[in-house]
Protein backbone atom coordinates (compact mmCIF):
# COMPACT_ATOMS: atom_id res chain seq x y z
CA UNK A 1 -0.01 -0.12 -0.22
CA UNK A 2 1.35 3.47 -0.65
CA UNK A 3 1.89 6.01 2.08
CA UNK A 4 -0.55 8.35 0.93
CA UNK A 5 -3.54 5.79 1.65
CA UNK A 6 -2.45 5.61 5.51
CA UNK A 7 -1.90 9.16 5.50
CA UNK A 8 -5.27 9.93 4.29
CA UNK A 9 -6.67 7.14 6.87
CA UNK A 10 -4.98 8.90 9.54
CA UNK A 11 -6.28 12.71 8.40
CA UNK A 12 -9.97 11.12 8.43
CA UNK A 13 -9.97 9.41 12.04
CA UNK A 14 -7.89 12.87 13.37
CA UNK A 15 -10.88 14.76 11.80
CA UNK A 16 -13.41 12.56 13.25
CA UNK A 17 -11.43 12.62 16.66
CA UNK A 18 -11.33 16.31 16.85
CA UNK A 19 -15.01 16.67 15.75
CA UNK A 20 -16.04 14.35 18.73
CA UNK A 21 -13.97 16.11 21.18
CA UNK A 22 -15.34 19.38 20.28
CA UNK A 23 -19.22 18.87 19.51
CA UNK A 24 -19.64 16.10 22.33
CA UNK A 25 -20.85 17.00 26.10
CA UNK A 26 -20.70 13.61 27.21
CA UNK A 27 -17.37 12.56 28.84
CA UNK A 28 -17.34 9.00 27.58
CA UNK A 29 -17.61 9.76 24.29
CA UNK A 30 -15.16 12.66 24.61
CA UNK A 31 -12.71 9.87 25.95
CA UNK A 32 -13.30 7.68 22.93
CA UNK A 33 -12.84 10.94 20.48
CA UNK A 34 -9.30 11.36 22.22
CA UNK A 35 -8.30 7.57 21.66
CA UNK A 36 -9.15 8.07 17.67
CA UNK A 37 -6.99 11.35 17.95
CA UNK A 38 -4.04 8.91 19.42
CA UNK A 39 -4.93 5.97 17.20
CA UNK A 40 -4.65 8.46 13.95
CA UNK A 41 -1.13 9.63 15.37
CA UNK A 42 0.07 5.79 15.75
CA UNK A 43 -1.38 5.24 12.41
CA UNK A 44 1.33 8.22 11.05
CA UNK A 45 4.08 6.97 13.32
CA UNK A 46 4.06 3.57 11.93
CA UNK A 47 3.31 4.60 8.24
CA UNK A 48 6.10 6.82 8.15
CA UNK A 49 8.70 4.83 10.25
CA UNK A 50 7.93 1.86 7.38
CA UNK A 51 8.52 4.45 4.73
CA UNK A 52 12.10 5.12 5.96
CA UNK A 53 12.50 1.41 7.13
CA UNK A 54 13.37 2.36 10.61
CA UNK A 55 11.84 0.75 13.92
CA UNK A 56 11.67 4.05 15.52
CA UNK A 57 7.96 4.52 14.43
CA UNK A 58 6.84 1.77 16.17
CA UNK A 59 8.79 2.30 19.28
CA UNK A 60 7.01 5.68 19.50
CA UNK A 61 3.62 4.00 19.01
CA UNK A 62 4.36 1.78 21.79
CA UNK A 63 5.01 4.84 23.97
CA UNK A 64 1.70 6.50 22.73
CA UNK A 65 -0.10 3.62 23.38
CA UNK A 66 1.10 3.29 26.89
CA UNK A 67 -0.02 7.07 27.46
CA UNK A 68 -3.36 6.46 26.19
CA UNK A 69 -3.70 3.59 28.81
CA UNK A 70 -2.84 5.62 31.41
CA UNK A 71 -5.07 8.59 30.09
CA UNK A 72 -8.15 6.35 29.78
CA UNK A 73 -7.46 4.98 33.53
CA UNK A 74 -7.18 8.81 34.79
CA UNK A 75 -10.08 10.20 32.74
CA UNK A 76 -12.43 7.34 33.76
CA UNK A 77 -11.91 7.97 37.59
CA UNK A 78 -12.37 11.48 36.90
CA UNK A 79 -16.08 10.64 34.89
CA UNK A 80 -16.38 8.21 37.88
CA UNK A 81 -16.17 10.93 40.34
CA UNK A 82 -18.48 13.26 38.15
CA UNK A 83 -21.06 10.68 38.06
CA UNK A 84 -20.77 10.07 41.70
CA UNK A 85 -21.52 13.57 42.41
CA UNK A 86 -23.64 14.90 40.01
CA UNK A 87 -25.45 11.64 38.60
CA UNK A 88 -24.41 12.76 35.09
CA UNK A 89 -21.47 12.61 32.68
CA UNK A 90 -21.98 15.60 31.08
CA UNK A 91 -19.11 17.72 30.83
CA UNK A 92 -20.97 21.03 31.07
CA UNK A 93 -21.61 20.35 34.79
CA UNK A 94 -17.66 19.55 35.42
CA UNK A 95 -17.09 23.26 36.33
CA UNK A 96 -19.53 22.97 39.26
CA UNK A 97 -17.05 21.03 41.07
CA UNK A 98 -14.67 23.28 41.83
CA UNK A 99 -13.15 23.10 45.11
């Protein structure tokens, strides 16, 4: 496959993820959109690493996957606290939790 095909796929995933982050109010959907953005970055890293015949793209992709897993853990913990206090995962109510 050509590099252009991977870059187009990555751009489409990134655009869908950005739209999801900007347009959604539900916290779970926002976390899923962030995961789409990170997966688009991973596709770019692996595609460019394969294009230049280097393993560094795959290594960086593994680091991004690790950061994404930590982000999901922290994000879900915050959403659980938001749901426990407000009975909703609507992110517009998150600013009401200021200490």
